[in-house]
């Protein structure tokens, strides 16, 4: 008979500790029905002169308010289904919270086949799809999307440029036509009107 080697004896004699009870907390509502899913409600809006504020919701948006110029608020409310598709998402390496639009409009606006595609509201306002330019906030508040607070920056040269809002409106109108067509087709199927 061959003698067992030292490694085999060590493994055989090692005692594996038993797991101590449950490591996760048991849900108190486990097994109870939560009722039917409630669709999101339209965003609450308040107006202060030329500024429209939309109340945000969700994990990162609770208690936050999106500020827009009055001209842009109408477009964003139509694009986001009255604010139902507005989300706050941590964005970039610094995990800065950004307001995004998701859903069918964002997918059609970006020309994407991904149904979960998100577009930041700042890029949507500018009709900006060029990857070499970024939208910068003069007061560093990503929830303040008023026209006076936004500039574009060319990444390669780090130069900032003011926004020509007539060109921006023309670009976003051109890019949003197929998106609004897709949205109105969806709403026709479910019986809701698009403004």
C-alpha atoms as a PDB file:
ATOM      1  CA  UNK A   1       0.000   0.000   0.000  1.00  0.00           C
ATOM      2  CA  UNK A   2       1.266   3.420  -0.954  1.00  0.00           C
ATOM      3  CA  UNK A   3       1.581   6.106   1.747  1.00  0.00           C
ATOM      4  CA  UNK A   4      -0.610   9.197   1.232  1.00  0.00           C
ATOM      5  CA  UNK A   5       1.321  12.340   0.446  1.00  0.00           C
ATOM      6  CA  UNK A   6       1.287  15.391   2.709  1.00  0.00           C
ATOM      7  CA  UNK A   7      -0.962  17.498   0.431  1.00  0.00           C
ATOM      8  CA  UNK A   8      -3.702  14.858   0.345  1.00  0.00           C
ATOM      9  CA  UNK A   9      -3.636  14.577   4.154  1.00  0.00           C
ATOM     10  CA  UNK A  10      -3.878  18.342   4.572  1.00  0.00           C
ATOM     11  CA  UNK A  11      -6.874  18.554   2.245  1.00  0.00           C
ATOM     12  CA  UNK A  12      -8.602  15.609   3.908  1.00  0.00           C
ATOM     13  CA  UNK A  13      -8.075  17.053   7.400  1.00  0.00           C
ATOM     14  CA  UNK A  14      -9.205  20.598   6.535  1.00  0.00           C
ATOM     15  CA  UNK A  15     -12.484  21.476   8.166  1.00  0.00           C
ATOM     16  CA  UNK A  16     -14.820  23.498   5.989  1.00  0.00           C
ATOM     17  CA  UNK A  17     -16.871  25.841   8.175  1.00  0.00           C
ATOM     18  CA  UNK A  18     -20.656  25.583   7.908  1.00  0.00           C
ATOM     19  CA  UNK A  19     -22.398  28.706   6.589  1.00  0.00           C
ATOM     20  CA  UNK A  20     -23.935  30.705   9.441  1.00  0.00           C
ATOM     21  CA  UNK A  21     -27.652  31.032   8.804  1.00  0.00           C
ATOM     22  CA  UNK A  22     -28.993  33.301   6.118  1.00  0.00           C
ATOM     23  CA  UNK A  23     -26.703  35.990   4.827  1.00  0.00           C
ATOM     24  CA  UNK A  24     -29.484  37.972   3.125  1.00  0.00           C
ATOM     25  CA  UNK A  25     -32.434  39.624   4.766  1.00  0.00           C
ATOM     26  CA  UNK A  26     -35.793  37.998   4.014  1.00  0.00           C
ATOM     27  CA  UNK A  27     -38.242  40.413   2.414  1.00  0.00           C
ATOM     28  CA  UNK A  28     -41.198  41.237   4.629  1.00  0.00           C
ATOM     29  CA  UNK A  29     -43.529  41.382   1.642  1.00  0.00           C
ATOM     30  CA  UNK A  30     -42.316  38.101   0.127  1.00  0.00           C
ATOM     31  CA  UNK A  31     -45.134  36.312  -1.636  1.00  0.00           C
ATOM     32  CA  UNK A  32     -47.577  39.214  -1.376  1.00  0.00           C
ATOM     33  CA  UNK A  33     -48.938  40.696  -4.578  1.00  0.00           C
ATOM     34  CA  UNK A  34     -48.001  44.265  -5.345  1.00  0.00           C
ATOM     35  CA  UNK A  35     -50.919  44.894  -7.679  1.00  0.00           C
ATOM     36  CA  UNK A  36     -50.876  45.845 -11.337  1.00  0.00           C
ATOM     37  CA  UNK A  37     -48.039  47.976 -12.681  1.00  0.00           C
ATOM     38  CA  UNK A  38     -48.850  51.668 -12.579  1.00  0.00           C
ATOM     39  CA  UNK A  39     -47.771  53.638 -15.638  1.00  0.00           C
ATOM     40  CA  UNK A  40     -45.619  56.701 -14.921  1.00  0.00           C
ATOM     41  CA  UNK A  41     -47.518  59.946 -14.527  1.00  0.00           C
ATOM     42  CA  UNK A  42     -46.717  63.141 -16.465  1.00  0.00           C
ATOM     43  CA  UNK A  43     -44.010  65.365 -14.989  1.00  0.00           C
ATOM     44  CA  UNK A  44     -45.182  68.173 -12.722  1.00  0.00           C
ATOM     45  CA  UNK A  45     -44.269  71.537 -14.180  1.00  0.00           C
ATOM     46  CA  UNK A  46     -44.031  75.020 -12.782  1.00  0.00           C
ATOM     47  CA  UNK A  47     -43.286  78.211 -14.656  1.00  0.00           C
ATOM     48  CA  UNK A  48     -41.231  81.172 -13.435  1.00  0.00           C
ATOM     49  CA  UNK A  49     -41.286  83.796 -16.183  1.00  0.00           C
ATOM     50  CA  UNK A  50     -39.364  82.382 -19.160  1.00  0.00           C
ATOM     51  CA  UNK A  51     -38.122  79.354 -17.168  1.00  0.00           C
ATOM     52  CA  UNK A  52     -40.085  76.093 -16.940  1.00  0.00           C
ATOM     53  CA  UNK A  53     -39.205  73.616 -14.186  1.00  0.00           C
ATOM     54  CA  UNK A  54     -40.023  69.915 -14.507  1.00  0.00           C
ATOM     55  CA  UNK A  55     -39.970  67.740 -11.393  1.00  0.00           C
ATOM     56  CA  UNK A  56     -37.840  64.623 -11.919  1.00  0.00           C
ATOM     57  CA  UNK A  57     -38.306  61.222 -10.306  1.00  0.00           C
ATOM     58  CA  UNK A  58     -36.552  57.909 -10.015  1.00  0.00           C
ATOM     59  CA  UNK A  59     -33.608  56.751  -7.941  1.00  0.00           C
ATOM     60  CA  UNK A  60     -31.266  59.580  -8.942  1.00  0.00           C
ATOM     61  CA  UNK A  61     -33.896  62.214  -9.739  1.00  0.00           C
ATOM     62  CA  UNK A  62     -35.969  62.419  -6.554  1.00  0.00           C
ATOM     63  CA  UNK A  63     -36.139  66.010  -5.369  1.00  0.00           C
ATOM     64  CA  UNK A  64     -34.357  67.350  -8.466  1.00  0.00           C
ATOM     65  CA  UNK A  65     -35.800  69.833 -10.948  1.00  0.00           C
ATOM     66  CA  UNK A  66     -34.972  70.210 -14.645  1.00  0.00           C
ATOM     67  CA  UNK A  67     -34.884  73.869 -15.715  1.00  0.00           C
ATOM     68  CA  UNK A  68     -35.584  74.704 -19.368  1.00  0.00           C
ATOM     69  CA  UNK A  69     -36.296  77.774 -21.455  1.00  0.00           C
ATOM     70  CA  UNK A  70     -39.974  78.032 -22.342  1.00  0.00           C
ATOM     71  CA  UNK A  71     -39.347  77.400 -26.077  1.00  0.00           C
ATOM     72  CA  UNK A  72     -37.444  74.208 -25.338  1.00  0.00           C
ATOM     73  CA  UNK A  73     -39.844  72.916 -22.682  1.00  0.00           C
ATOM     74  CA  UNK A  74     -42.642  72.357 -25.214  1.00  0.00           C
ATOM     75  CA  UNK A  75     -40.317  70.319 -27.439  1.00  0.00           C
ATOM     76  CA  UNK A  76     -38.943  68.236 -24.529  1.00  0.00           C
ATOM     77  CA  UNK A  77     -42.411  67.531 -23.113  1.00  0.00           C
ATOM     78  CA  UNK A  78     -43.603  66.326 -26.531  1.00  0.00           C
ATOM     79  CA  UNK A  79     -40.469  64.232 -27.068  1.00  0.00           C
ATOM     80  CA  UNK A  80     -40.585  62.669 -23.599  1.00  0.00           C
ATOM     81  CA  UNK A  81     -44.301  61.877 -23.616  1.00  0.00           C
ATOM     82  CA  UNK A  82     -45.115  64.680 -21.132  1.00  0.00           C
ATOM     83  CA  UNK A  83     -42.064  63.849 -19.043  1.00  0.00           C
ATOM     84  CA  UNK A  84     -42.865  60.158 -18.638  1.00  0.00           C
ATOM     85  CA  UNK A  85     -39.608  59.142 -20.387  1.00  0.00           C
ATOM     86  CA  UNK A  86     -37.275  61.566 -18.568  1.00  0.00           C
ATOM     87  CA  UNK A  87     -34.658  59.796 -16.463  1.00  0.00           C
ATOM     88  CA  UNK A  88     -31.642  60.858 -14.421  1.00  0.00           C
ATOM     89  CA  UNK A  89     -28.669  58.611 -15.180  1.00  0.00           C
ATOM     90  CA  UNK A  90     -25.091  58.753 -13.782  1.00  0.00           C
ATOM     91  CA  UNK A  91     -23.026  59.568 -16.855  1.00  0.00           C
ATOM     92  CA  UNK A  92     -19.346  59.372 -17.755  1.00  0.00           C
ATOM     93  CA  UNK A  93     -16.284  58.470 -15.716  1.00  0.00           C
ATOM     94  CA  UNK A  94     -17.101  61.045 -13.025  1.00  0.00           C
ATOM     95  CA  UNK A  95     -20.632  59.609 -12.785  1.00  0.00           C
ATOM     96  CA  UNK A  96     -22.214  63.035 -13.195  1.00  0.00           C
ATOM     97  CA  UNK A  97     -26.032  62.825 -13.113  1.00  0.00           C
ATOM     98  CA  UNK A  98     -27.472  63.727 -16.527  1.00  0.00           C
ATOM     99  CA  UNK A  99     -31.101  63.987 -17.618  1.00  0.00           C
ATOM    100  CA  UNK A 100     -31.857  61.637 -20.498  1.00  0.00           C
ATOM    101  CA  UNK A 101     -34.814  60.698 -22.670  1.00  0.00           C
ATOM    102  CA  UNK A 102     -35.350  57.060 -23.464  1.00  0.00           C
ATOM    103  CA  UNK A 103     -37.893  55.094 -25.400  1.00  0.00           C
ATOM    104  CA  UNK A 104     -39.021  55.128 -28.981  1.00  0.00           C
ATOM    105  CA  UNK A 105     -38.286  58.831 -29.538  1.00  0.00           C
ATOM    106  CA  UNK A 106     -34.646  58.542 -28.413  1.00  0.00           C
ATOM    107  CA  UNK A 107     -34.164  55.402 -30.490  1.00  0.00           C
ATOM    108  CA  UNK A 108     -35.531  57.054 -33.657  1.00  0.00           C
ATOM    109  CA  UNK A 109     -33.705  60.364 -32.989  1.00  0.00           C
ATOM    110  CA  UNK A 110     -30.343  58.594 -32.764  1.00  0.00           C
ATOM    111  CA  UNK A 111     -31.105  56.177 -35.603  1.00  0.00           C
ATOM    112  CA  UNK A 112     -30.453  53.270 -33.256  1.00  0.00           C
ATOM    113  CA  UNK A 113     -31.903  49.779 -33.278  1.00  0.00           C
ATOM    114  CA  UNK A 114     -31.505  49.501 -29.486  1.00  0.00           C
ATOM    115  CA  UNK A 115     -34.924  49.908 -27.802  1.00  0.00           C
ATOM    116  CA  UNK A 116     -33.193  50.989 -24.556  1.00  0.00           C
ATOM    117  CA  UNK A 117     -31.243  53.814 -26.205  1.00  0.00           C
ATOM    118  CA  UNK A 118     -30.880  57.018 -24.135  1.00  0.00           C
ATOM    119  CA  UNK A 119     -30.154  60.510 -25.436  1.00  0.00           C
ATOM    120  CA  UNK A 120     -29.154  63.310 -23.069  1.00  0.00           C
ATOM    121  CA  UNK A 121     -31.614  66.176 -23.080  1.00  0.00           C
ATOM    122  CA  UNK A 122     -28.799  68.689 -23.681  1.00  0.00           C
ATOM    123  CA  UNK A 123     -27.716  66.940 -26.908  1.00  0.00           C
ATOM    124  CA  UNK A 124     -31.349  66.601 -27.920  1.00  0.00           C
ATOM    125  CA  UNK A 125     -31.955  70.345 -27.485  1.00  0.00           C
ATOM    126  CA  UNK A 126     -28.968  71.165 -29.694  1.00  0.00           C
ATOM    127  CA  UNK A 127     -29.686  68.476 -32.282  1.00  0.00           C
ATOM    128  CA  UNK A 128     -26.083  67.472 -31.585  1.00  0.00           C
ATOM    129  CA  UNK A 129     -25.025  64.056 -32.822  1.00  0.00           C
ATOM    130  CA  UNK A 130     -21.341  64.733 -33.515  1.00  0.00           C
ATOM    131  CA  UNK A 131     -19.113  62.753 -31.159  1.00  0.00           C
ATOM    132  CA  UNK A 132     -16.277  65.289 -31.299  1.00  0.00           C
ATOM    133  CA  UNK A 133     -18.285  68.002 -29.543  1.00  0.00           C
ATOM    134  CA  UNK A 134     -19.571  68.036 -26.006  1.00  0.00           C
ATOM    135  CA  UNK A 135     -22.197  70.189 -24.343  1.00  0.00           C
ATOM    136  CA  UNK A 136     -20.841  72.141 -21.365  1.00  0.00           C
ATOM    137  CA  UNK A 137     -22.792  73.831 -18.584  1.00  0.00           C
ATOM    138  CA  UNK A 138     -21.506  77.284 -17.620  1.00  0.00           C
ATOM    139  CA  UNK A 139     -22.718  77.008 -14.019  1.00  0.00           C
ATOM    140  CA  UNK A 140     -21.742  73.281 -13.823  1.00  0.00           C
ATOM    141  CA  UNK A 141     -25.356  72.340 -13.033  1.00  0.00           C
ATOM    142  CA  UNK A 142     -26.439  69.525 -15.368  1.00  0.00           C
ATOM    143  CA  UNK A 143     -30.099  70.142 -14.471  1.00  0.00           C
ATOM    144  CA  UNK A 144     -30.004  73.755 -15.720  1.00  0.00           C
ATOM    145  CA  UNK A 145     -30.636  73.484 -19.463  1.00  0.00           C
ATOM    146  CA  UNK A 146     -31.599  77.113 -20.039  1.00  0.00           C
ATOM    147  CA  UNK A 147     -30.242  78.548 -23.275  1.00  0.00           C
ATOM    148  CA  UNK A 148     -27.879  80.966 -21.562  1.00  0.00           C
ATOM    149  CA  UNK A 149     -26.200  78.149 -19.619  1.00  0.00           C
ATOM    150  CA  UNK A 150     -25.170  75.904 -22.548  1.00  0.00           C
ATOM    151  CA  UNK A 151     -22.067  76.068 -24.781  1.00  0.00           C
ATOM    152  CA  UNK A 152     -20.398  73.497 -27.022  1.00  0.00           C
ATOM    153  CA  UNK A 153     -16.791  72.430 -26.608  1.00  0.00           C
ATOM    154  CA  UNK A 154     -14.608  70.799 -29.263  1.00  0.00           C
ATOM    155  CA  UNK A 155     -12.863  67.927 -27.499  1.00  0.00           C
ATOM    156  CA  UNK A 156      -9.673  68.011 -29.562  1.00  0.00           C
ATOM    157  CA  UNK A 157      -8.894  71.710 -29.082  1.00  0.00           C
ATOM    158  CA  UNK A 158     -10.783  72.364 -25.811  1.00  0.00           C
ATOM    159  CA  UNK A 159     -12.282  75.489 -27.377  1.00  0.00           C
ATOM    160  CA  UNK A 160     -15.762  76.596 -26.347  1.00  0.00           C
ATOM    161  CA  UNK A 161     -18.272  78.132 -28.717  1.00  0.00           C
ATOM    162  CA  UNK A 162     -21.627  79.825 -28.094  1.00  0.00           C
ATOM    163  CA  UNK A 163     -24.653  78.064 -29.542  1.00  0.00           C
ATOM    164  CA  UNK A 164     -26.428  79.398 -32.610  1.00  0.00           C
ATOM    165  CA  UNK A 165     -29.965  78.548 -31.514  1.00  0.00           C
ATOM    166  CA  UNK A 166     -31.502  79.039 -34.968  1.00  0.00           C
ATOM    167  CA  UNK A 167     -29.204  76.346 -36.401  1.00  0.00           C
ATOM    168  CA  UNK A 168     -29.749  74.158 -33.340  1.00  0.00           C
ATOM    169  CA  UNK A 169     -33.538  74.345 -33.704  1.00  0.00           C
ATOM    170  CA  UNK A 170     -33.277  73.548 -37.432  1.00  0.00           C
ATOM    171  CA  UNK A 171     -31.030  70.511 -36.723  1.00  0.00           C
ATOM    172  CA  UNK A 172     -33.225  69.146 -33.967  1.00  0.00           C
ATOM    173  CA  UNK A 173     -36.358  69.611 -36.099  1.00  0.00           C
ATOM    174  CA  UNK A 174     -34.713  67.728 -38.952  1.00  0.00           C
ATOM    175  CA  UNK A 175     -33.568  64.900 -36.678  1.00  0.00           C
ATOM    176  CA  UNK A 176     -36.791  64.697 -34.692  1.00  0.00           C
ATOM    177  CA  UNK A 177     -39.230  64.389 -37.624  1.00  0.00           C
ATOM    178  CA  UNK A 178     -38.749  60.604 -37.979  1.00  0.00           C
ATOM    179  CA  UNK A 179     -38.788  60.300 -34.200  1.00  0.00           C
ATOM    180  CA  UNK A 180     -42.131  62.096 -33.875  1.00  0.00           C
ATOM    181  CA  UNK A 181     -43.499  59.971 -36.739  1.00  0.00           C
ATOM    182  CA  UNK A 182     -42.519  56.788 -34.874  1.00  0.00           C
ATOM    183  CA  UNK A 183     -43.999  58.167 -31.649  1.00  0.00           C
ATOM    184  CA  UNK A 184     -47.319  59.139 -33.259  1.00  0.00           C
ATOM    185  CA  UNK A 185     -47.543  55.684 -34.879  1.00  0.00           C
ATOM    186  CA  UNK A 186     -47.110  54.068 -31.463  1.00  0.00           C
ATOM    187  CA  UNK A 187     -49.668  56.388 -29.873  1.00  0.00           C
ATOM    188  CA  UNK A 188     -52.155  55.670 -32.652  1.00  0.00           C
ATOM    189  CA  UNK A 189     -51.894  51.990 -31.746  1.00  0.00           C
ATOM    190  CA  UNK A 190     -52.588  52.629 -28.045  1.00  0.00           C
ATOM    191  CA  UNK A 191     -55.137  55.418 -28.601  1.00  0.00           C
ATOM    192  CA  UNK A 192     -53.262  58.452 -27.236  1.00  0.00           C
ATOM    193  CA  UNK A 193     -52.785  61.696 -29.157  1.00  0.00           C
ATOM    194  CA  UNK A 194     -49.436  63.411 -29.768  1.00  0.00           C
ATOM    195  CA  UNK A 195     -49.385  67.207 -29.648  1.00  0.00           C
END
